Amino acid sequence: MAPRLTARFWVDAYLARLRLSYISAFVTAHGDDTAGSVLVKLNTLDGEARAYTRMFDLATGERAWTELAAGAEADVDASITRQRGMDPDLWVIEVEDRAGRHLLDSEGLG
């Protein structure tokens, strides 16, 4: 099993990868630097959004990105607010891309 990266290291690397692809992104909630979980909100700038979180797959032992919420941006924001209420260590990154790119399916971001 590969060593787990700190949340801060992963967030910094993800933001850098997005910048290299000319995709706007910013941290809207700063979680715990070491062990915080990460939630990614994809804002397509048309009133719609999606939120993604990493889940542990018991069958494979791997962590994979899954969709937590999708729909009207206000509804997705409400879902994110509920998640933050349950986990104050949660990082939230908002990605803004009209084409819907988030790069979470890129190699090395699992």
N, C-alpha and C. Protein backbone atom coordinates (compact mmCIF):
# COMPACT_ATOMS: atom_id res chain seq x y z
N MET A 1 0.85 -1.17 0.00
CA MET A 1 0.00 0.00 0.00
C MET A 1 0.90 1.24 0.00
N ALA A 2 0.56 2.18 -0.87
CA ALA A 2 1.35 3.41 -0.98
C ALA A 2 1.09 4.30 0.22
N PRO A 3 2.10 5.06 0.65
CA PRO A 3 1.89 5.98 1.77
C PRO A 3 0.88 7.05 1.37
N ARG A 4 0.11 7.49 2.34
CA ARG A 4 -0.90 8.51 2.09
C ARG A 4 -0.29 9.91 2.19
N LEU A 5 -0.61 10.75 1.23
CA LEU A 5 -0.14 12.12 1.24
C LEU A 5 -0.94 12.93 2.24
N THR A 6 -0.33 13.98 2.78
CA THR A 6 -1.10 14.87 3.64
C THR A 6 -2.13 15.59 2.77
N ALA A 7 -3.21 16.02 3.39
CA ALA A 7 -4.26 16.73 2.66
C ALA A 7 -3.70 17.99 2.00
N ARG A 8 -2.90 18.74 2.73
CA ARG A 8 -2.34 19.98 2.21
C ARG A 8 -1.48 19.74 0.97
N PHE A 9 -0.66 18.72 1.00
CA PHE A 9 0.20 18.39 -0.13
C PHE A 9 -0.65 18.04 -1.34
N TRP A 10 -1.69 17.21 -1.13
CA TRP A 10 -2.57 16.80 -2.23
C TRP A 10 -3.28 18.03 -2.82
N VAL A 11 -3.82 18.88 -1.96
CA VAL A 11 -4.53 20.08 -2.42
C VAL A 11 -3.60 20.97 -3.24
N ASP A 12 -2.40 21.21 -2.75
CA ASP A 12 -1.45 22.06 -3.48
C ASP A 12 -1.11 21.47 -4.84
N ALA A 13 -0.90 20.15 -4.89
CA ALA A 13 -0.58 19.48 -6.16
C ALA A 13 -1.76 19.54 -7.12
N TYR A 14 -2.97 19.34 -6.61
CA TYR A 14 -4.17 19.39 -7.44
C TYR A 14 -4.37 20.80 -8.02
N LEU A 15 -4.23 21.81 -7.20
CA LEU A 15 -4.38 23.19 -7.68
C LEU A 15 -3.34 23.51 -8.75
N ALA A 16 -2.12 23.03 -8.57
CA ALA A 16 -1.06 23.25 -9.56
C ALA A 16 -1.41 22.56 -10.88
N ARG A 17 -1.93 21.34 -10.80
CA ARG A 17 -2.29 20.60 -12.01
C ARG A 17 -3.42 21.34 -12.75
N LEU A 18 -4.39 21.86 -12.01
CA LEU A 18 -5.48 22.61 -12.63
C LEU A 18 -4.95 23.88 -13.31
N ARG A 19 -4.06 24.60 -12.62
CA ARG A 19 -3.47 25.82 -13.20
C ARG A 19 -2.76 25.51 -14.52
N LEU A 20 -2.03 24.40 -14.57
CA LEU A 20 -1.31 24.03 -15.79
C LEU A 20 -2.27 23.73 -16.94
N SER A 21 -3.51 23.37 -16.62
CA SER A 21 -4.53 23.11 -17.64
C SER A 21 -5.43 24.32 -17.85
N TYR A 22 -5.05 25.46 -17.27
CA TYR A 22 -5.81 26.71 -17.39
C TYR A 22 -7.25 26.55 -16.90
N ILE A 23 -7.40 25.87 -15.78
CA ILE A 23 -8.70 25.68 -15.14
C ILE A 23 -8.67 26.45 -13.82
N SER A 24 -9.64 27.34 -13.63
CA SER A 24 -9.72 28.14 -12.40
C SER A 24 -10.15 27.27 -11.23
N ALA A 25 -9.49 27.47 -10.10
CA ALA A 25 -9.86 26.73 -8.89
C ALA A 25 -9.34 27.49 -7.68
N PHE A 26 -10.05 27.35 -6.58
CA PHE A 26 -9.61 27.99 -5.35
C PHE A 26 -10.16 27.23 -4.16
N VAL A 27 -9.51 27.39 -3.03
CA VAL A 27 -9.92 26.75 -1.79
C VAL A 27 -11.00 27.63 -1.15
N THR A 28 -12.18 27.04 -0.91
CA THR A 28 -13.25 27.80 -0.25
C THR A 28 -13.38 27.42 1.22
N ALA A 29 -12.78 26.29 1.61
CA ALA A 29 -12.74 25.90 3.02
C ALA A 29 -11.43 25.17 3.26
N HIS A 30 -10.65 25.68 4.20
CA HIS A 30 -9.34 25.11 4.53
C HIS A 30 -9.53 24.10 5.65
N GLY A 31 -9.30 22.85 5.34
CA GLY A 31 -9.43 21.79 6.34
C GLY A 31 -8.14 21.55 7.08
N ASP A 32 -8.08 20.43 7.76
CA ASP A 32 -6.89 20.03 8.49
C ASP A 32 -5.76 19.74 7.51
N ASP A 33 -4.59 20.33 7.73
CA ASP A 33 -3.46 20.18 6.81
C ASP A 33 -2.99 18.74 6.67
N THR A 34 -3.09 17.97 7.73
CA THR A 34 -2.54 16.63 7.71
C THR A 34 -3.57 15.58 7.30
N ALA A 35 -4.67 15.54 7.99
CA ALA A 35 -5.59 14.42 7.81
C ALA A 35 -6.96 14.81 7.29
N GLY A 36 -7.15 16.04 6.86
CA GLY A 36 -8.47 16.46 6.39
C GLY A 36 -8.87 15.75 5.11
N SER A 37 -10.15 15.52 4.95
CA SER A 37 -10.68 14.98 3.70
C SER A 37 -10.85 16.14 2.71
N VAL A 38 -11.01 15.79 1.44
CA VAL A 38 -11.14 16.81 0.41
C VAL A 38 -12.44 16.59 -0.36
N LEU A 39 -13.16 17.67 -0.58
CA LEU A 39 -14.36 17.67 -1.40
C LEU A 39 -14.12 18.67 -2.53
N VAL A 40 -14.45 18.27 -3.75
CA VAL A 40 -14.26 19.14 -4.91
C VAL A 40 -15.61 19.51 -5.49
N LYS A 41 -15.86 20.81 -5.59
CA LYS A 41 -17.09 21.30 -6.22
C LYS A 41 -16.73 21.76 -7.63
N LEU A 42 -17.44 21.23 -8.61
CA LEU A 42 -17.27 21.65 -10.00
C LEU A 42 -18.41 22.59 -10.35
N ASN A 43 -18.08 23.84 -10.60
CA ASN A 43 -19.05 24.86 -10.98
C ASN A 43 -18.90 25.10 -12.48
N THR A 44 -19.95 24.77 -13.23
CA THR A 44 -19.89 24.94 -14.69
C THR A 44 -20.37 26.32 -15.13
N LEU A 45 -20.59 27.21 -14.18
CA LEU A 45 -20.89 28.61 -14.44
C LEU A 45 -22.19 28.82 -15.22
N ASP A 46 -23.10 27.86 -15.09
CA ASP A 46 -24.41 27.97 -15.75
C ASP A 46 -25.54 27.73 -14.76
N GLY A 47 -25.22 27.87 -13.46
CA GLY A 47 -26.21 27.63 -12.42
C GLY A 47 -26.23 26.20 -11.92
N GLU A 48 -25.44 25.33 -12.55
CA GLU A 48 -25.37 23.92 -12.17
C GLU A 48 -23.99 23.64 -11.55
N ALA A 49 -23.95 22.61 -10.71
CA ALA A 49 -22.69 22.24 -10.08
C ALA A 49 -22.73 20.76 -9.71
N ARG A 50 -21.58 20.23 -9.38
CA ARG A 50 -21.43 18.86 -8.90
C ARG A 50 -20.41 18.89 -7.77
N ALA A 51 -20.58 17.99 -6.83
CA ALA A 51 -19.61 17.86 -5.74
C ALA A 51 -19.10 16.43 -5.73
N TYR A 52 -17.79 16.29 -5.57
CA TYR A 52 -17.13 14.99 -5.58
C TYR A 52 -16.38 14.79 -4.27
N THR A 53 -16.37 13.56 -3.80
CA THR A 53 -15.64 13.20 -2.61
C THR A 53 -14.93 11.88 -2.86
N ARG A 54 -13.86 11.64 -2.12
CA ARG A 54 -13.14 10.36 -2.26
C ARG A 54 -13.71 9.37 -1.27
N MET A 55 -14.01 8.19 -1.78
CA MET A 55 -14.52 7.12 -0.94
C MET A 55 -13.55 5.95 -1.02
N PHE A 56 -13.54 5.18 0.05
CA PHE A 56 -12.69 3.99 0.10
C PHE A 56 -13.48 2.81 -0.46
N ASP A 57 -12.96 2.14 -1.47
CA ASP A 57 -13.60 0.98 -2.07
C ASP A 57 -13.11 -0.28 -1.35
N LEU A 58 -13.99 -0.89 -0.59
CA LEU A 58 -13.62 -2.07 0.19
C LEU A 58 -13.20 -3.24 -0.70
N ALA A 59 -13.76 -3.32 -1.89
CA ALA A 59 -13.45 -4.44 -2.78
C ALA A 59 -12.02 -4.36 -3.31
N THR A 60 -11.58 -3.15 -3.65
CA THR A 60 -10.25 -3.01 -4.26
C THR A 60 -9.19 -2.49 -3.28
N GLY A 61 -9.65 -1.89 -2.18
CA GLY A 61 -8.70 -1.28 -1.26
C GLY A 61 -8.21 0.08 -1.71
N GLU A 62 -8.77 0.58 -2.79
CA GLU A 62 -8.37 1.87 -3.35
C GLU A 62 -9.37 2.95 -2.98
N ARG A 63 -8.92 4.19 -3.08
CA ARG A 63 -9.81 5.34 -2.90
C ARG A 63 -10.19 5.84 -4.28
N ALA A 64 -11.48 6.14 -4.47
CA ALA A 64 -11.96 6.59 -5.77
C ALA A 64 -12.87 7.80 -5.58
N TRP A 65 -12.90 8.67 -6.57
CA TRP A 65 -13.76 9.85 -6.54
C TRP A 65 -15.17 9.44 -6.91
N THR A 66 -16.14 9.87 -6.12
CA THR A 66 -17.55 9.59 -6.39
C THR A 66 -18.33 10.89 -6.30
N GLU A 67 -19.43 10.94 -7.03
CA GLU A 67 -20.27 12.13 -7.01
C GLU A 67 -21.12 12.14 -5.74
N LEU A 68 -21.02 13.21 -4.99
CA LEU A 68 -21.77 13.37 -3.75
C LEU A 68 -23.10 14.07 -4.02
N ALA A 69 -23.10 15.07 -4.90
CA ALA A 69 -24.31 15.84 -5.21
C ALA A 69 -24.17 16.43 -6.59
N ALA A 70 -25.32 16.66 -7.25
CA ALA A 70 -25.33 17.29 -8.57
C ALA A 70 -26.67 18.00 -8.74
N GLY A 71 -26.63 19.09 -9.49
CA GLY A 71 -27.87 19.82 -9.76
C GLY A 71 -27.66 21.30 -9.66
N ALA A 72 -28.71 21.99 -9.22
CA ALA A 72 -28.62 23.44 -9.06
C ALA A 72 -27.51 23.78 -8.08
N GLU A 73 -26.76 24.83 -8.41
CA GLU A 73 -25.60 25.18 -7.57
C GLU A 73 -26.00 25.41 -6.12
N ALA A 74 -27.13 26.03 -5.87
CA ALA A 74 -27.57 26.29 -4.50
C ALA A 74 -27.79 24.98 -3.73
N ASP A 75 -28.32 23.97 -4.41
CA ASP A 75 -28.55 22.67 -3.77
C ASP A 75 -27.22 21.97 -3.47
N VAL A 76 -26.28 22.07 -4.40
CA VAL A 76 -24.96 21.47 -4.18
C VAL A 76 -24.25 22.20 -3.03
N ASP A 77 -24.36 23.52 -3.00
CA ASP A 77 -23.77 24.29 -1.90
C ASP A 77 -24.37 23.88 -0.55
N ALA A 78 -25.68 23.63 -0.52
CA ALA A 78 -26.33 23.19 0.72
C ALA A 78 -25.79 21.83 1.16
N SER A 79 -25.56 20.94 0.21
CA SER A 79 -24.98 19.63 0.52
C SER A 79 -23.57 19.78 1.08
N ILE A 80 -22.79 20.67 0.49
CA ILE A 80 -21.43 20.91 0.97
C ILE A 80 -21.46 21.50 2.38
N THR A 81 -22.37 22.41 2.64
CA THR A 81 -22.51 22.99 3.97
C THR A 81 -22.83 21.91 5.00
N ARG A 82 -23.71 20.97 4.65
CA ARG A 82 -24.02 19.85 5.56
C ARG A 82 -22.77 19.01 5.83
N GLN A 83 -22.01 18.74 4.79
CA GLN A 83 -20.77 17.96 4.95
C GLN A 83 -19.79 18.67 5.87
N ARG A 84 -19.65 19.98 5.69
CA ARG A 84 -18.74 20.77 6.55
C ARG A 84 -19.24 20.76 7.99
N GLY A 85 -20.55 20.73 8.19
CA GLY A 85 -21.10 20.67 9.54
C GLY A 85 -20.75 19.37 10.24
N MET A 86 -20.65 18.29 9.47
CA MET A 86 -20.30 16.99 10.04
C MET A 86 -18.80 16.80 10.17
N ASP A 87 -18.02 17.52 9.34
CA ASP A 87 -16.57 17.33 9.31
C ASP A 87 -15.88 18.69 9.18
N PRO A 88 -15.57 19.34 10.30
CA PRO A 88 -14.92 20.66 10.23
C PRO A 88 -13.50 20.61 9.66
N ASP A 89 -12.91 19.42 9.54
CA ASP A 89 -11.57 19.28 8.97
C ASP A 89 -11.59 19.16 7.45
N LEU A 90 -12.77 19.23 6.86
CA LEU A 90 -12.95 19.03 5.43
C LEU A 90 -12.43 20.22 4.62
N TRP A 91 -11.65 19.91 3.59
CA TRP A 91 -11.23 20.91 2.61
C TRP A 91 -12.30 20.98 1.54
N VAL A 92 -12.58 22.16 1.02
CA VAL A 92 -13.48 22.31 -0.13
C VAL A 92 -12.74 23.12 -1.18
N ILE A 93 -12.63 22.54 -2.36
CA ILE A 93 -12.00 23.21 -3.50
C ILE A 93 -13.08 23.44 -4.55
N GLU A 94 -13.20 24.67 -5.01
CA GLU A 94 -14.16 24.97 -6.07
C GLU A 94 -13.39 25.12 -7.38
N VAL A 95 -13.81 24.32 -8.36
CA VAL A 95 -13.25 24.35 -9.70
C VAL A 95 -14.29 25.01 -10.59
N GLU A 96 -13.87 25.99 -11.38
CA GLU A 96 -14.79 26.67 -12.29
C GLU A 96 -14.36 26.38 -13.73
N ASP A 97 -15.22 25.67 -14.45
CA ASP A 97 -14.89 25.33 -15.82
C ASP A 97 -16.17 25.06 -16.60
N ARG A 98 -16.43 25.88 -17.60
CA ARG A 98 -17.65 25.74 -18.41
C ARG A 98 -17.73 24.39 -19.11
N ALA A 99 -16.57 23.81 -19.45
CA ALA A 99 -16.54 22.52 -20.13
C ALA A 99 -16.70 21.34 -19.16
N GLY A 100 -16.73 21.62 -17.86
CA GLY A 100 -16.93 20.55 -16.88
C GLY A 100 -15.69 19.75 -16.55
N ARG A 101 -14.51 20.32 -16.82
CA ARG A 101 -13.27 19.60 -16.51
C ARG A 101 -12.91 19.77 -15.04
N HIS A 102 -12.53 18.69 -14.40
CA HIS A 102 -12.09 18.73 -13.00
C HIS A 102 -10.78 17.97 -12.80
N LEU A 103 -10.39 17.17 -13.75
CA LEU A 103 -9.15 16.38 -13.75
C LEU A 103 -9.08 15.32 -12.66
N LEU A 104 -10.16 15.05 -11.95
CA LEU A 104 -10.13 14.05 -10.89
C LEU A 104 -9.91 12.64 -11.43
N ASP A 105 -10.22 12.46 -12.72
CA ASP A 105 -10.01 11.15 -13.34
C ASP A 105 -8.60 11.01 -13.92
N SER A 106 -7.75 12.02 -13.72
CA SER A 106 -6.37 11.96 -14.20
C SER A 106 -5.55 11.03 -13.32
N GLU A 107 -4.56 10.42 -13.92
CA GLU A 107 -3.68 9.52 -13.19
C GLU A 107 -3.00 10.27 -12.04
N GLY A 108 -2.95 9.61 -10.89
CA GLY A 108 -2.27 10.19 -9.73
C GLY A 108 -3.15 11.01 -8.82
N LEU A 109 -4.44 11.17 -9.16
CA LEU A 109 -5.32 11.97 -8.31
C LEU A 109 -6.31 11.13 -7.52
N GLY A 110 -6.14 9.83 -7.51
CA GLY A 110 -7.08 8.96 -6.78
C GLY A 110 -6.93 9.05 -5.30
